Amino acid sequence: MSRSRNTNRLAKRIRDQTSLTLSTASRLAQQANVYRGSSIADSPDPRQRRLEAHVAHVLASSFKDHQLNGALLGVREAQPETQGVKLTLESDMADEVLRELLPRFDHFYGGIRGVPGLRVRGSERRLILHDAVSSAHVTVTRANGGSLRLPSARDGEVLLWKRVPRGLSRDEKQEAEEWTDSRGINDLRVRDLLLSRILRCPGLVNRTALPHGFANCYTHHAGDLVIEWCCGDTVETLCAVLLAHGFADDVPRANAIELISRHSAHLGDRTVILNRHGSCLYGRHAEDIAESIRKGYES
C-alpha cells in the first residue's frame, strides 16, 4: 500500500475518532509516519486501570524534569499481562520509582506520598506492586536485569507499606477516596483510561524526553497529567502518533483532542495536556543539566 493511501486511511481514522475536520486530520496523518500502529492494550478491569492511572499520576508529579536516558516516567517498556502489566524500569531510575510509588506518611509534608494502598511482594529482581484491597497490580523489573532495592524511611517518614502490610491505614483510605471522588473531574473513566495508556505506551511518550534525556511532566490536580518538552516531535506529530496507536479510542469524540495552538493540545478534555516550547530551552547547557540530574540519582 502506498504512503499516500496509508496517510489517507489514517486521516479518516483520526477524523472518525475525533471532532477534527478531515483537512486537519490529514495534516496530522502526514506527520505520523505510520498508518496504524498496534493499539495500546487496555486492561478490561476498571480497578486495574484506576491503579495504573494513579501510578502514572504519582510518577509524573514526582519526577517533573528529572529523568535519565529519556525515560519520562522512569519506564522503558510496558508489556500487558493476563491480569496486569509488566513495567521494565530505566535501570538508573528504578529504585527511585519504587520510593515514589510505595506509600509513606511524610510528617514534613503533612500527608501521604505515593499510591495509597500499594503493597509489595516478590523477589529482588521481580517485584509485584499490588493494591491491598483488590487484585490490581503492576509487575516491575530493572532494565539491566539487576536487583531492585526497596526504599528505607527518611527523616520524618513512616513507611505505610511496611507498617500496615494488609489493608489500608486511615490516612490511606482518605487519600484513596479522594482519588476516586468525581468532584472536579468530568469523567473518571476517561481519566483512568488515558492515564493508564500513558503508563502502557512508554515508547511513545518517551519521544518527548529523547532529544535531551529529560523533559518535564507534572499535574495540576487528580484529573490531569501535563507533558512539556522543547525539541524533537512537534505537538501535532506526537498527537498523530498517539492517535495512530488508538490513544483516543473509546473517548467521546467531542473530547478526544483539542488542538489549542501549534504548541499545545488537550486529549480527553484536558486529561492529558501536551505543551511544546517554540525553541530549545537548554541549548549547549543540555548535557550539563543531564549530568547534574544523573549525579542527583547517584547521591
Protein backbone atom coordinates (compact mmCIF):
# COMPACT_ATOMS: atom_id res chain seq x y z
CA MET A 1 0.00 0.00 0.00
CA SER A 2 1.38 3.41 -0.99
CA ARG A 3 2.34 6.00 1.59
CA SER A 4 -0.31 8.42 0.31
CA ARG A 5 -3.03 5.78 0.68
CA ASN A 6 -1.82 4.95 4.18
CA THR A 7 -1.94 8.65 5.07
CA ASN A 8 -5.47 8.99 3.73
CA ARG A 9 -6.68 5.98 5.72
CA LEU A 10 -5.11 7.30 8.92
CA ALA A 11 -6.62 10.73 8.29
CA LYS A 12 -10.09 9.20 8.02
CA ARG A 13 -9.50 7.19 11.17
CA ILE A 14 -8.44 10.33 13.07
CA ARG A 15 -11.49 12.20 11.77
CA ASP A 16 -13.77 9.36 12.87
CA GLN A 17 -12.15 9.23 16.34
CA THR A 18 -12.29 12.97 16.96
CA SER A 19 -14.17 16.15 16.12
CA LEU A 20 -11.31 17.34 13.87
CA THR A 21 -12.08 18.24 10.27
CA LEU A 22 -10.73 15.97 7.55
CA SER A 23 -8.23 18.62 6.45
CA THR A 24 -6.81 18.90 9.99
CA ALA A 25 -6.80 15.12 10.37
CA SER A 26 -4.91 14.86 7.06
CA ARG A 27 -2.31 17.34 8.29
CA LEU A 28 -1.75 15.22 11.38
CA ALA A 29 -1.68 11.95 9.44
CA GLN A 30 1.09 13.24 7.19
CA GLN A 31 3.30 13.62 10.27
CA ALA A 32 2.72 10.19 11.82
CA ASN A 33 4.89 8.06 9.50
CA VAL A 34 2.60 5.11 10.26
CA TYR A 35 -0.89 4.09 9.14
CA ARG A 36 -1.90 2.36 12.30
CA GLY A 37 0.39 1.05 14.98
CA SER A 38 -0.59 -1.76 17.29
CA SER A 39 -3.26 -0.33 19.57
CA ILE A 40 -2.47 0.11 23.24
CA ALA A 41 -3.81 -2.96 25.05
CA ASP A 42 -6.08 -1.82 27.88
CA SER A 43 -6.96 -3.84 30.94
CA PRO A 44 -10.65 -4.83 30.94
CA ASP A 45 -10.75 -4.33 34.74
CA PRO A 46 -11.64 -0.76 35.80
CA ARG A 47 -9.80 -1.28 39.12
CA GLN A 48 -6.63 -2.19 37.23
CA ARG A 49 -6.94 0.88 35.00
CA ARG A 50 -7.50 3.06 38.06
CA LEU A 51 -4.36 1.75 39.75
CA GLU A 52 -2.26 2.23 36.60
CA ALA A 53 -3.62 5.76 36.21
CA HIS A 54 -2.66 6.55 39.79
CA VAL A 55 0.83 5.14 39.23
CA ALA A 56 1.31 7.35 36.16
CA HIS A 57 -0.04 10.39 38.02
CA VAL A 58 2.27 9.91 41.01
CA LEU A 59 5.34 9.37 38.82
CA ALA A 60 4.60 12.48 36.76
CA SER A 61 4.16 14.54 39.93
CA SER A 62 7.38 13.14 41.38
CA PHE A 63 9.89 13.20 38.53
CA LYS A 64 8.91 16.50 36.89
CA ASP A 65 12.02 17.38 34.80
CA HIS A 66 14.45 14.97 36.48
CA GLN A 67 14.60 11.95 34.19
CA LEU A 68 17.51 9.92 32.88
CA ASN A 69 18.08 8.46 29.42
CA GLY A 70 14.76 9.67 28.05
CA ALA A 71 12.51 7.68 30.41
CA LEU A 72 9.75 10.22 31.10
CA LEU A 73 8.13 8.27 33.96
CA GLY A 74 11.09 6.02 34.67
CA VAL A 75 9.60 3.30 32.45
CA ARG A 76 11.42 1.80 29.49
CA GLU A 77 8.94 -0.86 28.35
CA ALA A 78 5.40 -1.99 29.22
CA GLN A 79 4.07 -5.44 28.49
CA PRO A 80 0.42 -6.34 29.13
CA GLU A 81 -0.10 -9.44 31.26
CA THR A 82 -3.22 -11.51 31.85
CA GLN A 83 -4.20 -9.62 34.98
CA GLY A 84 -1.94 -6.56 34.95
CA VAL A 85 1.06 -5.01 33.24
CA LYS A 86 4.81 -5.60 33.49
CA LEU A 87 6.93 -2.45 33.56
CA THR A 88 10.61 -2.55 32.70
CA LEU A 89 12.12 0.34 34.60
CA GLU A 90 15.02 2.52 33.49
CA SER A 91 17.89 0.98 35.46
CA ASP A 92 19.22 4.22 36.91
CA MET A 93 15.74 5.37 37.98
CA ALA A 94 14.27 2.07 39.17
CA ASP A 95 14.94 2.46 42.89
CA GLU A 96 13.53 5.97 42.85
CA VAL A 97 10.40 4.72 41.06
CA LEU A 98 9.81 2.34 43.96
CA ARG A 99 10.42 5.09 46.51
CA GLU A 100 7.90 7.40 44.85
CA LEU A 101 5.19 4.75 44.41
CA LEU A 102 5.19 2.90 47.74
CA PRO A 103 3.08 4.90 50.21
CA ARG A 104 4.65 6.71 53.11
CA PHE A 105 3.44 9.33 55.55
CA ASP A 106 5.68 12.38 55.37
CA HIS A 107 5.44 14.43 58.56
CA PHE A 108 7.22 17.39 56.97
CA TYR A 109 4.82 17.35 54.02
CA GLY A 110 1.88 16.72 56.33
CA GLY A 111 0.35 13.89 54.35
CA ILE A 112 0.78 10.77 52.25
CA ARG A 113 3.14 10.47 49.35
CA GLY A 114 2.90 7.61 46.87
CA VAL A 115 -0.05 5.45 45.84
CA PRO A 116 -2.29 4.74 48.85
CA GLY A 117 -2.85 1.04 49.45
CA LEU A 118 0.06 -0.09 47.28
CA ARG A 119 1.91 -3.06 48.74
CA VAL A 120 4.81 -5.19 47.54
CA ARG A 121 5.70 -8.84 47.19
CA GLY A 122 8.04 -10.87 45.02
CA SER A 123 11.79 -11.36 44.59
CA GLU A 124 14.68 -8.93 44.34
CA ARG A 125 14.63 -8.97 40.54
CA ARG A 126 10.86 -9.03 40.01
CA LEU A 127 8.53 -7.18 42.35
CA ILE A 128 4.75 -7.10 42.26
CA LEU A 129 3.26 -3.81 43.42
CA HIS A 130 -0.33 -4.69 44.27
CA ASP A 131 -3.40 -2.98 45.60
CA ALA A 132 -4.18 -4.00 49.18
CA VAL A 133 -7.93 -4.27 48.58
CA SER A 134 -8.23 -5.60 45.02
CA SER A 135 -6.43 -7.80 42.50
CA ALA A 136 -4.97 -4.80 40.65
CA HIS A 137 -1.17 -4.82 40.37
CA VAL A 138 1.85 -3.91 38.29
CA THR A 139 4.99 -6.01 37.99
CA VAL A 140 8.33 -4.20 37.84
CA THR A 141 11.81 -5.26 36.79
CA ARG A 142 15.04 -3.36 36.17
CA ALA A 143 16.06 -2.98 32.52
CA ASN A 144 19.55 -4.38 33.13
CA GLY A 145 18.15 -7.38 34.98
CA GLY A 146 19.66 -6.29 38.29
CA SER A 147 18.14 -6.39 41.75
CA LEU A 148 15.57 -3.86 42.89
CA ARG A 149 16.07 -2.09 46.20
CA LEU A 150 13.13 -1.32 48.42
CA PRO A 151 13.22 2.16 49.97
CA SER A 152 14.11 2.86 53.57
CA ALA A 153 12.49 5.59 55.64
CA ARG A 154 13.97 9.08 55.52
CA ASP A 155 13.68 11.67 58.29
CA GLY A 156 10.05 12.34 59.11
CA GLU A 157 8.74 9.38 57.09
CA VAL A 158 6.62 6.38 58.10
CA LEU A 159 6.61 3.57 55.54
CA LEU A 160 2.92 2.65 55.42
CA TRP A 161 3.51 -0.26 53.03
CA LYS A 162 5.65 -1.80 55.75
CA ARG A 163 3.74 -0.76 58.87
CA VAL A 164 0.32 -1.81 57.55
CA PRO A 165 1.08 -4.76 55.24
CA ARG A 166 -2.59 -5.79 54.91
CA GLY A 167 -5.38 -3.33 54.31
CA LEU A 168 -5.15 0.45 54.33
CA SER A 169 -4.25 2.86 57.07
CA ARG A 170 -6.82 5.54 57.94
CA ASP A 171 -4.87 8.20 56.05
CA GLU A 172 -4.57 5.95 53.01
CA LYS A 173 -8.32 5.33 52.97
CA GLN A 174 -8.96 9.07 52.86
CA GLU A 175 -6.38 9.57 50.10
CA ALA A 176 -7.81 6.68 48.08
CA GLU A 177 -11.32 8.10 48.39
CA GLU A 178 -10.10 11.45 47.09
CA TRP A 179 -8.63 9.73 44.02
CA THR A 180 -11.98 8.11 43.26
CA ASP A 181 -14.06 11.18 44.13
CA SER A 182 -15.55 12.65 40.97
CA ARG A 183 -15.73 16.23 42.22
CA GLY A 184 -13.90 18.47 39.76
CA ILE A 185 -13.30 15.61 37.31
CA ASN A 186 -15.76 15.39 34.45
CA ASP A 187 -15.21 11.74 33.57
CA LEU A 188 -13.30 9.38 35.88
CA ARG A 189 -13.48 6.60 33.29
CA VAL A 190 -11.68 8.73 30.71
CA ARG A 191 -9.08 9.84 33.26
CA ASP A 192 -8.30 6.28 34.28
CA LEU A 193 -8.28 5.07 30.68
CA LEU A 194 -5.93 7.75 29.31
CA LEU A 195 -3.52 7.88 32.24
CA SER A 196 -3.33 4.08 32.19
CA ARG A 197 -2.48 4.33 28.49
CA ILE A 198 0.26 6.85 29.26
CA LEU A 199 1.82 4.22 31.52
CA ARG A 200 1.37 1.49 28.91
CA CYS A 201 2.93 3.36 25.96
CA PRO A 202 6.38 4.48 27.15
CA GLY A 203 7.79 4.07 23.66
CA LEU A 204 5.50 6.89 22.52
CA VAL A 205 5.60 9.33 25.44
CA ASN A 206 9.36 8.90 25.88
CA ARG A 207 9.79 10.58 22.49
CA THR A 208 9.39 13.90 24.31
CA ALA A 209 12.42 13.21 26.53
CA LEU A 210 14.59 11.65 23.83
CA PRO A 211 16.37 14.78 22.49
CA HIS A 212 17.89 15.80 25.85
CA GLY A 213 17.33 12.71 28.00
CA PHE A 214 14.73 14.57 30.07
CA ALA A 215 11.54 16.57 29.59
CA ASN A 216 9.02 17.93 32.06
CA CYS A 217 5.86 16.34 33.44
CA TYR A 218 3.61 17.40 36.25
CA THR A 219 -0.01 17.53 37.39
CA HIS A 220 -2.40 20.29 38.44
CA HIS A 221 -4.88 18.07 40.27
CA ALA A 222 -6.13 14.47 40.41
CA GLY A 223 -7.61 14.67 36.93
CA ASP A 224 -4.74 15.59 34.63
CA LEU A 225 -1.16 14.96 33.54
CA VAL A 226 0.97 17.52 31.69
CA ILE A 227 3.94 16.77 29.42
CA GLU A 228 6.19 19.63 28.32
CA TRP A 229 9.22 19.49 26.05
CA CYS A 230 11.16 21.71 23.69
CA CYS A 231 12.89 19.69 20.95
CA GLY A 232 12.06 16.76 18.69
CA ASP A 233 8.43 15.98 17.86
CA THR A 234 6.00 18.79 17.33
CA VAL A 235 2.74 18.65 19.28
CA GLU A 236 0.88 17.62 16.13
CA THR A 237 3.37 14.86 15.37
CA LEU A 238 3.06 13.39 18.85
CA CYS A 239 -0.74 13.65 18.72
CA ALA A 240 -0.76 11.92 15.34
CA VAL A 241 1.40 9.07 16.61
CA LEU A 242 -0.74 8.64 19.73
CA LEU A 243 -3.95 8.62 17.69
CA ALA A 244 -2.45 6.14 15.23
CA HIS A 245 -1.95 3.78 18.18
CA GLY A 246 -5.53 4.16 19.37
CA PHE A 247 -4.84 6.51 22.27
CA ALA A 248 -8.24 8.19 21.92
CA ASP A 249 -10.24 5.01 21.30
CA ASP A 250 -13.41 4.86 23.44
CA VAL A 251 -13.11 8.53 24.39
CA PRO A 252 -16.14 10.68 23.42
CA ARG A 253 -15.34 12.25 20.04
CA ALA A 254 -16.02 15.78 21.23
CA ASN A 255 -13.43 15.40 23.99
CA ALA A 256 -10.85 13.25 22.20
CA ILE A 257 -8.49 16.03 21.15
CA GLU A 258 -8.35 19.80 21.02
CA LEU A 259 -5.51 21.48 19.17
CA ILE A 260 -5.08 24.71 21.14
CA SER A 261 -2.20 26.04 19.05
CA ARG A 262 0.92 24.84 17.24
CA HIS A 263 2.47 24.34 20.66
CA SER A 264 -0.35 22.90 22.75
CA ALA A 265 -3.04 20.19 22.66
CA HIS A 266 -5.52 18.64 25.08
CA LEU A 267 -6.53 14.99 24.98
CA GLY A 268 -9.60 13.67 26.76
CA ASP A 269 -10.98 17.06 27.79
CA ARG A 270 -7.70 18.25 29.38
CA THR A 271 -6.89 14.87 30.93
CA VAL A 272 -3.56 14.77 29.07
CA ILE A 273 -2.06 18.17 28.23
CA LEU A 274 0.79 18.39 25.73
CA ASN A 275 2.89 21.57 25.59
CA ARG A 276 5.94 22.11 23.41
CA HIS A 277 8.08 25.22 23.64
CA GLY A 278 8.80 27.04 20.41
CA SER A 279 12.58 26.85 20.81
CA CYS A 280 15.17 24.90 22.75
CA LEU A 281 15.24 25.81 26.44
CA TYR A 282 18.72 24.49 27.17
CA GLY A 283 21.00 24.95 24.15
CA ARG A 284 24.59 24.00 24.85
CA HIS A 285 23.81 23.51 28.55
CA ALA A 286 21.59 20.44 27.95
CA GLU A 287 24.40 17.93 28.54
CA ASP A 288 25.46 19.67 31.74
CA ILE A 289 21.90 19.56 33.03
CA ALA A 290 21.59 15.86 32.18
CA GLU A 291 24.84 15.16 34.02
CA SER A 292 23.62 17.13 37.03
CA ILE A 293 20.43 15.05 37.08
CA ARG A 294 22.49 11.87 36.91
CA LYS A 295 24.63 12.93 39.86
CA GLY A 296 21.46 13.60 41.83
CA TYR A 297 20.39 9.98 41.39
CA GLU A 298 23.82 8.74 42.41
CA SER A 299 23.96 10.76 45.63
